[in-house]
């Protein structure tokens, strides 16, 4: 069992890194969508026409926030000392 603890710690660290990377990817996709929406509006699209994309950015924000909160909770970043 003692030999398994370092392996578990290493795996947990890798998971946190992957999850953190996922947050970055989600935020990056969200930013690209926002840029595309701004460009579309500049070229004559209406906000109403772009509702599916703006709704998607809201869902992405929610996902990134939830994942970020989960990472913080698992790593103890949100705990007060």
Foldseek 3Di string as FASTA:
>chain_A
DVVCVVVVVVVLVVVLVVLVVVLVVLVVVLVVLVVVVVVVVVVPDDVVVCVVSVVVSVVSVVVSVVSVVVSCVVVVVPPDD
